[in-house]
Amino acid sequence: MVNVRHVTGLAAALLVAGCATSEPTEPFYTSSAAPATTTAGAAPSSSKARSIPKAIPASAFLQVSDAPEKARQKPARADHDLPAFCGKSYEQKDRIGVRATQLLLIQSKGESEGSTPKSAVYEDVLVYRGDGAKEFMTDLRAAVKNCASDEDDKNFLRGSIEAGDDSELIEQSTPATDDAGEPVQGQPSRLFWAVVRHADTIAFVSNTGWESSGAEKADTVKLGTRAAARVKEWRG
């Protein structure tokens, strides 16, 4: 189960602090345009053994220009736990070569500067040894499939987002609440995750919404597609 208030609370703290939890290996903010996505018919990349980088550069993550509408501020490094689906382990922690996390706050296009974010988007990039990335995807799908219901949360595998060598969109619905945490009538609140693999690397995009507001599927698909392109540009 995902504690949305904890997630957005951390995002809010970083928003106020205006700083990252660790130093990037290059200037973290870049205004470079989104790289082109893979064209139809392109040969899939191989997961053959390759060297593990010492660190993950800023350019491997989502950029301001990748926001579905617009970014609220420059992205920042952050701490973040991947979602736990009924406590099932899928991270392949003993095979991780290097990992890092970024937080990108997004907002609606028409909102003024300084307004409440639309969503807090965490992106975890993990580089694996051997076939760890492939096994990550296999075990992740099994974890979600075997956790269709976790207390009030309902989890769904929504299929590929047509990005990277492999990808999966995950949806979680939970009863809607107001900002004080009290139940409200209406549609359930939804969170989305877009998970993509390129060769030995996983980009795990968590679209967590903001406070009592859920996330949007279309935003998540776009962010996941952009994340796949960024990772491919970095890892080749």
C-alpha atoms as a PDB file:
ATOM      1  CA  MET A   1       0.000   0.000   0.000  1.00  0.00           C
ATOM      2  CA  VAL A   2       1.268   3.453  -0.858  1.00  0.00           C
ATOM      3  CA  ASN A   3       1.040   6.174   1.777  1.00  0.00           C
ATOM      4  CA  VAL A   4       0.100   9.114  -0.431  1.00  0.00           C
ATOM      5  CA  ARG A   5       0.304  11.626   2.395  1.00  0.00           C
ATOM      6  CA  HIS A   6       3.860  10.547   3.203  1.00  0.00           C
ATOM      7  CA  VAL A   7       4.868  10.797  -0.446  1.00  0.00           C
ATOM      8  CA  THR A   8       3.378  14.227  -1.023  1.00  0.00           C
ATOM      9  CA  GLY A   9       4.571  15.369   2.379  1.00  0.00           C
ATOM     10  CA  LEU A  10       8.133  14.594   1.348  1.00  0.00           C
ATOM     11  CA  ALA A  11       7.595  16.387  -1.947  1.00  0.00           C
ATOM     12  CA  ALA A  12       6.222  19.406  -0.112  1.00  0.00           C
ATOM     13  CA  ALA A  13       9.240  19.448   2.197  1.00  0.00           C
ATOM     14  CA  LEU A  14      11.584  19.422  -0.779  1.00  0.00           C
ATOM     15  CA  LEU A  15       9.486  22.126  -2.417  1.00  0.00           C
ATOM     16  CA  VAL A  16       9.921  24.371   0.615  1.00  0.00           C
ATOM     17  CA  ALA A  17      13.588  23.513   1.106  1.00  0.00           C
ATOM     18  CA  GLY A  18      14.382  23.994  -2.565  1.00  0.00           C
ATOM     19  CA  CYS A  19      17.341  21.647  -2.392  1.00  0.00           C
ATOM     20  CA  ALA A  20      18.323  18.121  -3.379  1.00  0.00           C
ATOM     21  CA  THR A  21      19.350  15.309  -1.067  1.00  0.00           C
ATOM     22  CA  SER A  22      22.468  14.416  -3.048  1.00  0.00           C
ATOM     23  CA  GLU A  23      24.682  16.080  -5.567  1.00  0.00           C
ATOM     24  CA  PRO A  24      24.228  15.113  -9.232  1.00  0.00           C
ATOM     25  CA  THR A  25      27.254  14.186 -11.289  1.00  0.00           C
ATOM     26  CA  GLU A  26      26.659  17.089 -13.668  1.00  0.00           C
ATOM     27  CA  PRO A  27      24.553  20.263 -13.524  1.00  0.00           C
ATOM     28  CA  PHE A  28      21.166  18.805 -12.667  1.00  0.00           C
ATOM     29  CA  TYR A  29      18.981  21.161 -14.632  1.00  0.00           C
ATOM     30  CA  THR A  30      19.049  21.082 -18.377  1.00  0.00           C
ATOM     31  CA  SER A  31      16.749  22.678 -20.906  1.00  0.00           C
ATOM     32  CA  SER A  32      17.591  20.179 -23.626  1.00  0.00           C
ATOM     33  CA  ALA A  33      14.678  19.034 -25.737  1.00  0.00           C
ATOM     34  CA  ALA A  34      13.253  15.548 -25.342  1.00  0.00           C
ATOM     35  CA  PRO A  35      15.160  12.957 -27.388  1.00  0.00           C
ATOM     36  CA  ALA A  36      13.381  11.223 -30.224  1.00  0.00           C
ATOM     37  CA  THR A  37      11.626   7.982 -29.379  1.00  0.00           C
ATOM     38  CA  THR A  38      12.537   4.701 -31.036  1.00  0.00           C
ATOM     39  CA  THR A  39      11.184   4.432 -34.567  1.00  0.00           C
ATOM     40  CA  ALA A  40       9.196   1.443 -35.733  1.00  0.00           C
ATOM     41  CA  GLY A  41      11.328  -1.430 -36.913  1.00  0.00           C
ATOM     42  CA  ALA A  42      14.402  -0.451 -34.918  1.00  0.00           C
ATOM     43  CA  ALA A  43      16.312  -3.391 -33.516  1.00  0.00           C
ATOM     44  CA  PRO A  44      15.783  -3.900 -29.778  1.00  0.00           C
ATOM     45  CA  SER A  45      18.773  -3.254 -27.583  1.00  0.00           C
ATOM     46  CA  SER A  46      20.614  -6.166 -26.073  1.00  0.00           C
ATOM     47  CA  SER A  47      20.851  -6.914 -22.370  1.00  0.00           C
ATOM     48  CA  LYS A  48      24.382  -8.297 -22.816  1.00  0.00           C
ATOM     49  CA  ALA A  49      26.859  -7.511 -20.059  1.00  0.00           C
ATOM     50  CA  ARG A  50      28.100  -3.941 -20.060  1.00  0.00           C
ATOM     51  CA  SER A  51      30.028  -1.851 -17.589  1.00  0.00           C
ATOM     52  CA  ILE A  52      28.170  -0.413 -14.615  1.00  0.00           C
ATOM     53  CA  PRO A  53      28.482   3.388 -14.437  1.00  0.00           C
ATOM     54  CA  LYS A  54      29.784   4.977 -11.240  1.00  0.00           C
ATOM     55  CA  ALA A  55      26.818   7.344 -11.038  1.00  0.00           C
ATOM     56  CA  ILE A  56      23.654   8.322 -12.903  1.00  0.00           C
ATOM     57  CA  PRO A  57      23.873  11.737 -14.589  1.00  0.00           C
ATOM     58  CA  ALA A  58      21.140  14.350 -14.592  1.00  0.00           C
ATOM     59  CA  SER A  59      20.655  13.871 -18.327  1.00  0.00           C
ATOM     60  CA  ALA A  60      19.411  10.298 -17.745  1.00  0.00           C
ATOM     61  CA  PHE A  61      16.345  11.598 -15.905  1.00  0.00           C
ATOM     62  CA  LEU A  62      13.207  13.423 -16.979  1.00  0.00           C
ATOM     63  CA  GLN A  63      13.794  17.091 -17.764  1.00  0.00           C
ATOM     64  CA  VAL A  64      11.614  20.187 -17.419  1.00  0.00           C
ATOM     65  CA  SER A  65      10.813  19.927 -21.134  1.00  0.00           C
ATOM     66  CA  ASP A  66       9.394  16.410 -20.584  1.00  0.00           C
ATOM     67  CA  ALA A  67       6.535  17.596 -18.339  1.00  0.00           C
ATOM     68  CA  PRO A  68       3.102  16.837 -19.878  1.00  0.00           C
ATOM     69  CA  GLU A  69       2.026  20.483 -19.510  1.00  0.00           C
ATOM     70  CA  LYS A  70       4.732  22.309 -17.583  1.00  0.00           C
ATOM     71  CA  ALA A  71       7.108  21.769 -14.691  1.00  0.00           C
ATOM     72  CA  ARG A  72       6.641  23.726 -11.491  1.00  0.00           C
ATOM     73  CA  GLN A  73      10.363  23.993 -10.823  1.00  0.00           C
ATOM     74  CA  LYS A  74      13.698  22.416 -11.712  1.00  0.00           C
ATOM     75  CA  PRO A  75      13.982  18.704 -10.866  1.00  0.00           C
ATOM     76  CA  ALA A  76      15.929  17.665  -7.771  1.00  0.00           C
ATOM     77  CA  ARG A  77      17.494  14.518  -6.440  1.00  0.00           C
ATOM     78  CA  ALA A  78      15.387  12.893  -3.728  1.00  0.00           C
ATOM     79  CA  ASP A  79      14.864   9.796  -1.597  1.00  0.00           C
ATOM     80  CA  HIS A  80      11.999   7.512  -2.539  1.00  0.00           C
ATOM     81  CA  ASP A  81      10.897   3.932  -1.924  1.00  0.00           C
ATOM     82  CA  LEU A  82       9.410   1.902  -4.743  1.00  0.00           C
ATOM     83  CA  PRO A  83       5.812   0.846  -4.066  1.00  0.00           C
ATOM     84  CA  ALA A  84       5.256  -2.307  -2.041  1.00  0.00           C
ATOM     85  CA  PHE A  85       2.587  -4.576  -3.481  1.00  0.00           C
ATOM     86  CA  CYS A  86       1.486  -6.731  -0.532  1.00  0.00           C
ATOM     87  CA  GLY A  87       5.092  -6.734   0.644  1.00  0.00           C
ATOM     88  CA  LYS A  88       6.316  -8.797  -2.312  1.00  0.00           C
ATOM     89  CA  SER A  89       9.982  -8.272  -3.168  1.00  0.00           C
ATOM     90  CA  TYR A  90      10.761  -7.521  -6.803  1.00  0.00           C
ATOM     91  CA  GLU A  91      13.638  -5.008  -6.720  1.00  0.00           C
ATOM     92  CA  GLN A  92      16.514  -7.518  -7.168  1.00  0.00           C
ATOM     93  CA  LYS A  93      18.464  -5.428  -4.664  1.00  0.00           C
ATOM     94  CA  ASP A  94      21.494  -7.711  -4.648  1.00  0.00           C
ATOM     95  CA  ARG A  95      21.963  -7.138  -8.400  1.00  0.00           C
ATOM     96  CA  ILE A  96      21.724  -3.344  -8.476  1.00  0.00           C
ATOM     97  CA  GLY A  97      24.904  -1.717  -9.744  1.00  0.00           C
ATOM     98  CA  VAL A  98      23.839   1.886  -9.213  1.00  0.00           C
ATOM     99  CA  ARG A  99      20.581   3.722  -8.595  1.00  0.00           C
ATOM    100  CA  ALA A 100      19.314   7.254  -8.010  1.00  0.00           C
ATOM    101  CA  THR A 101      16.007   9.093  -7.660  1.00  0.00           C
ATOM    102  CA  GLN A 102      14.700  12.401  -8.940  1.00  0.00           C
ATOM    103  CA  LEU A 103      11.618  14.441  -8.028  1.00  0.00           C
ATOM    104  CA  LEU A 104       9.875  16.536 -10.674  1.00  0.00           C
ATOM    105  CA  LEU A 105       6.837  18.605  -9.703  1.00  0.00           C
ATOM    106  CA  ILE A 106       4.408  19.218 -12.542  1.00  0.00           C
ATOM    107  CA  GLN A 107       1.436  21.550 -12.826  1.00  0.00           C
ATOM    108  CA  SER A 108      -1.324  22.433 -15.238  1.00  0.00           C
ATOM    109  CA  LYS A 109      -0.414  24.714 -18.120  1.00  0.00           C
ATOM    110  CA  GLY A 110      -2.746  27.530 -17.118  1.00  0.00           C
ATOM    111  CA  GLU A 111      -1.603  27.715 -13.492  1.00  0.00           C
ATOM    112  CA  SER A 112       0.467  30.672 -12.339  1.00  0.00           C
ATOM    113  CA  GLU A 113       3.980  30.380 -10.939  1.00  0.00           C
ATOM    114  CA  GLY A 114       3.915  29.318  -7.301  1.00  0.00           C
ATOM    115  CA  SER A 115       0.514  27.627  -7.485  1.00  0.00           C
ATOM    116  CA  THR A 116      -0.161  24.195  -6.018  1.00  0.00           C
ATOM    117  CA  PRO A 117       1.498  21.389  -8.009  1.00  0.00           C
ATOM    118  CA  LYS A 118      -0.648  19.050 -10.048  1.00  0.00           C
ATOM    119  CA  SER A 119       1.471  16.051  -9.117  1.00  0.00           C
ATOM    120  CA  ALA A 120       4.738  14.917  -7.590  1.00  0.00           C
ATOM    121  CA  VAL A 121       6.571  12.664 -10.048  1.00  0.00           C
ATOM    122  CA  TYR A 122       9.366  10.496  -8.712  1.00  0.00           C
ATOM    123  CA  GLU A 123      11.669   8.718 -11.131  1.00  0.00           C
ATOM    124  CA  ASP A 124      13.952   5.934  -9.967  1.00  0.00           C
ATOM    125  CA  VAL A 125      16.691   4.876 -12.385  1.00  0.00           C
ATOM    126  CA  LEU A 126      18.332   1.546 -11.580  1.00  0.00           C
ATOM    127  CA  VAL A 127      21.176  -0.122 -13.484  1.00  0.00           C
ATOM    128  CA  TYR A 128      21.482  -3.880 -12.984  1.00  0.00           C
ATOM    129  CA  ARG A 129      24.126  -6.531 -13.337  1.00  0.00           C
ATOM    130  CA  GLY A 130      23.419  -9.467 -15.615  1.00  0.00           C
ATOM    131  CA  ASP A 131      19.732 -10.119 -16.256  1.00  0.00           C
ATOM    132  CA  GLY A 132      18.619  -8.269 -13.136  1.00  0.00           C
ATOM    133  CA  ALA A 133      16.560  -5.728 -15.096  1.00  0.00           C
ATOM    134  CA  LYS A 134      14.651  -8.469 -16.940  1.00  0.00           C
ATOM    135  CA  GLU A 135      13.991 -10.298 -13.685  1.00  0.00           C
ATOM    136  CA  PHE A 136      12.839  -7.018 -12.134  1.00  0.00           C
ATOM    137  CA  MET A 137      10.085  -6.714 -14.747  1.00  0.00           C
ATOM    138  CA  THR A 138       9.039 -10.349 -14.343  1.00  0.00           C
ATOM    139  CA  ASP A 139       8.876 -10.166 -10.564  1.00  0.00           C
ATOM    140  CA  LEU A 140       7.163  -6.753 -10.604  1.00  0.00           C
ATOM    141  CA  ARG A 141       4.334  -8.058 -12.765  1.00  0.00           C
ATOM    142  CA  ALA A 142       3.955 -11.089 -10.508  1.00  0.00           C
ATOM    143  CA  ALA A 143       3.880  -8.868  -7.404  1.00  0.00           C
ATOM    144  CA  VAL A 144       1.116  -6.656  -8.816  1.00  0.00           C
ATOM    145  CA  LYS A 145      -0.875  -9.586 -10.199  1.00  0.00           C
ATOM    146  CA  ASN A 146      -0.767 -11.340  -6.829  1.00  0.00           C
ATOM    147  CA  CYS A 147      -1.786  -8.157  -5.003  1.00  0.00           C
ATOM    148  CA  ALA A 148      -5.043  -7.283  -6.748  1.00  0.00           C
ATOM    149  CA  SER A 149      -6.376  -6.022  -3.421  1.00  0.00           C
ATOM    150  CA  ASP A 150      -4.402  -4.672  -0.459  1.00  0.00           C
ATOM    151  CA  GLU A 151      -6.700  -3.323   2.258  1.00  0.00           C
ATOM    152  CA  ASP A 152      -8.542  -0.491   0.444  1.00  0.00           C
ATOM    153  CA  ASP A 153      -6.152  -0.365  -2.513  1.00  0.00           C
ATOM    154  CA  LYS A 154      -6.889  -2.076  -5.828  1.00  0.00           C
ATOM    155  CA  ASN A 155      -3.955  -2.741  -8.155  1.00  0.00           C
ATOM    156  CA  PHE A 156      -4.067  -3.340 -11.900  1.00  0.00           C
ATOM    157  CA  LEU A 157      -1.599  -4.190 -14.661  1.00  0.00           C
ATOM    158  CA  ARG A 158      -2.604  -1.991 -17.610  1.00  0.00           C
ATOM    159  CA  GLY A 159      -0.161  -3.286 -20.214  1.00  0.00           C
ATOM    160  CA  SER A 160       2.690  -1.856 -22.224  1.00  0.00           C
ATOM    161  CA  ILE A 161       3.179   1.857 -22.928  1.00  0.00           C
ATOM    162  CA  GLU A 162       5.092   0.912 -26.104  1.00  0.00           C
ATOM    163  CA  ALA A 163       8.439   2.242 -24.913  1.00  0.00           C
ATOM    164  CA  GLY A 164      11.869   0.764 -24.256  1.00  0.00           C
ATOM    165  CA  ASP A 165      12.628  -2.946 -24.594  1.00  0.00           C
ATOM    166  CA  ASP A 166       9.821  -3.718 -22.140  1.00  0.00           C
ATOM    167  CA  SER A 167       7.298  -1.609 -20.259  1.00  0.00           C
ATOM    168  CA  GLU A 168       4.288  -1.810 -17.976  1.00  0.00           C
ATOM    169  CA  LEU A 169       1.675   0.680 -16.785  1.00  0.00           C
ATOM    170  CA  ILE A 170       0.362   0.027 -13.274  1.00  0.00           C
ATOM    171  CA  GLU A 171      -2.740   1.610 -11.773  1.00  0.00           C
ATOM    172  CA  GLN A 172      -3.782   1.763  -8.141  1.00  0.00           C
ATOM    173  CA  SER A 173      -7.197   2.985  -7.033  1.00  0.00           C
ATOM    174  CA  THR A 174      -8.079   3.870  -3.466  1.00  0.00           C
ATOM    175  CA  PRO A 175     -11.145   5.484  -1.834  1.00  0.00           C
ATOM    176  CA  ALA A 176     -11.107   9.250  -2.276  1.00  0.00           C
ATOM    177  CA  THR A 177     -10.438  11.500   0.721  1.00  0.00           C
ATOM    178  CA  ASP A 178     -10.295  15.228   1.335  1.00  0.00           C
ATOM    179  CA  ASP A 179      -7.124  17.076   2.348  1.00  0.00           C
ATOM    180  CA  ALA A 180      -7.791  16.186   5.994  1.00  0.00           C
ATOM    181  CA  GLY A 181      -7.925  12.489   5.144  1.00  0.00           C
ATOM    182  CA  GLU A 182     -11.668  12.156   5.594  1.00  0.00           C
ATOM    183  CA  PRO A 183     -13.587   9.937   3.131  1.00  0.00           C
ATOM    184  CA  VAL A 184     -15.540  11.718   0.414  1.00  0.00           C
ATOM    185  CA  GLN A 185     -18.127  10.516  -2.054  1.00  0.00           C
ATOM    186  CA  GLY A 186     -17.305  10.150  -5.722  1.00  0.00           C
ATOM    187  CA  GLN A 187     -14.746   8.477  -7.939  1.00  0.00           C
ATOM    188  CA  PRO A 188     -11.767   6.743  -6.283  1.00  0.00           C
ATOM    189  CA  SER A 189      -8.380   8.409  -6.286  1.00  0.00           C
ATOM    190  CA  ARG A 190      -5.837   6.896  -8.681  1.00  0.00           C
ATOM    191  CA  LEU A 191      -2.066   6.651  -8.782  1.00  0.00           C
ATOM    192  CA  PHE A 192      -0.072   5.421 -11.769  1.00  0.00           C
ATOM    193  CA  TRP A 193       3.366   3.971 -12.354  1.00  0.00           C
ATOM    194  CA  ALA A 194       5.089   3.644 -15.717  1.00  0.00           C
ATOM    195  CA  VAL A 195       7.979   1.193 -15.633  1.00  0.00           C
ATOM    196  CA  VAL A 196      10.298   0.823 -18.614  1.00  0.00           C
ATOM    197  CA  ARG A 197      13.369  -1.301 -19.248  1.00  0.00           C
ATOM    198  CA  HIS A 198      16.153  -0.447 -21.666  1.00  0.00           C
ATOM    199  CA  ALA A 199      18.764  -3.205 -21.754  1.00  0.00           C
ATOM    200  CA  ASP A 200      20.179  -3.360 -18.196  1.00  0.00           C
ATOM    201  CA  THR A 201      18.409  -0.242 -16.916  1.00  0.00           C
ATOM    202  CA  ILE A 202      15.005   0.364 -15.317  1.00  0.00           C
ATOM    203  CA  ALA A 203      13.237   3.733 -15.242  1.00  0.00           C
ATOM    204  CA  PHE A 204      10.429   3.600 -12.685  1.00  0.00           C
ATOM    205  CA  VAL A 205       8.145   6.644 -12.937  1.00  0.00           C
ATOM    206  CA  SER A 206       5.785   7.170  -9.983  1.00  0.00           C
ATOM    207  CA  ASN A 207       2.986   9.670 -10.662  1.00  0.00           C
ATOM    208  CA  THR A 208       1.702  10.205  -7.125  1.00  0.00           C
ATOM    209  CA  GLY A 209      -0.731  13.099  -7.489  1.00  0.00           C
ATOM    210  CA  TRP A 210      -0.744  15.830  -4.859  1.00  0.00           C
ATOM    211  CA  GLU A 211      -2.266  15.575  -1.381  1.00  0.00           C
ATOM    212  CA  SER A 212      -5.856  14.369  -1.916  1.00  0.00           C
ATOM    213  CA  SER A 213      -5.713  14.711  -5.713  1.00  0.00           C
ATOM    214  CA  GLY A 214      -4.887  11.654  -7.782  1.00  0.00           C
ATOM    215  CA  ALA A 215      -2.763  11.300 -10.901  1.00  0.00           C
ATOM    216  CA  GLU A 216      -3.679  11.132 -14.590  1.00  0.00           C
ATOM    217  CA  LYS A 217      -3.051   8.142 -16.824  1.00  0.00           C
ATOM    218  CA  ALA A 218      -2.196  10.191 -19.928  1.00  0.00           C
ATOM    219  CA  ASP A 219       0.423  12.181 -18.009  1.00  0.00           C
ATOM    220  CA  THR A 220       1.996   8.963 -16.751  1.00  0.00           C
ATOM    221  CA  VAL A 221       2.208   7.388 -20.200  1.00  0.00           C
ATOM    222  CA  LYS A 222       3.877  10.494 -21.608  1.00  0.00           C
ATOM    223  CA  LEU A 223       6.333  10.678 -18.720  1.00  0.00           C
ATOM    224  CA  GLY A 224       7.160   6.988 -19.069  1.00  0.00           C
ATOM    225  CA  THR A 225       7.776   7.358 -22.798  1.00  0.00           C
ATOM    226  CA  ARG A 226      10.058  10.338 -22.200  1.00  0.00           C
ATOM    227  CA  ALA A 227      11.889   8.460 -19.440  1.00  0.00           C
ATOM    228  CA  ALA A 228      12.562   5.562 -21.806  1.00  0.00           C
ATOM    229  CA  ALA A 229      14.017   7.933 -24.391  1.00  0.00           C
ATOM    230  CA  ARG A 230      16.252   9.644 -21.827  1.00  0.00           C
ATOM    231  CA  VAL A 231      17.642   6.340 -20.565  1.00  0.00           C
ATOM    232  CA  LYS A 232      18.242   5.076 -24.093  1.00  0.00           C
ATOM    233  CA  GLU A 233      20.106   8.261 -24.990  1.00  0.00           C
ATOM    234  CA  TRP A 234      22.326   7.781 -21.942  1.00  0.00           C
ATOM    235  CA  ARG A 235      22.963   4.018 -22.086  1.00  0.00           C
ATOM    236  CA  GLY A 236      22.938   3.679 -25.867  1.00  0.00           C
END
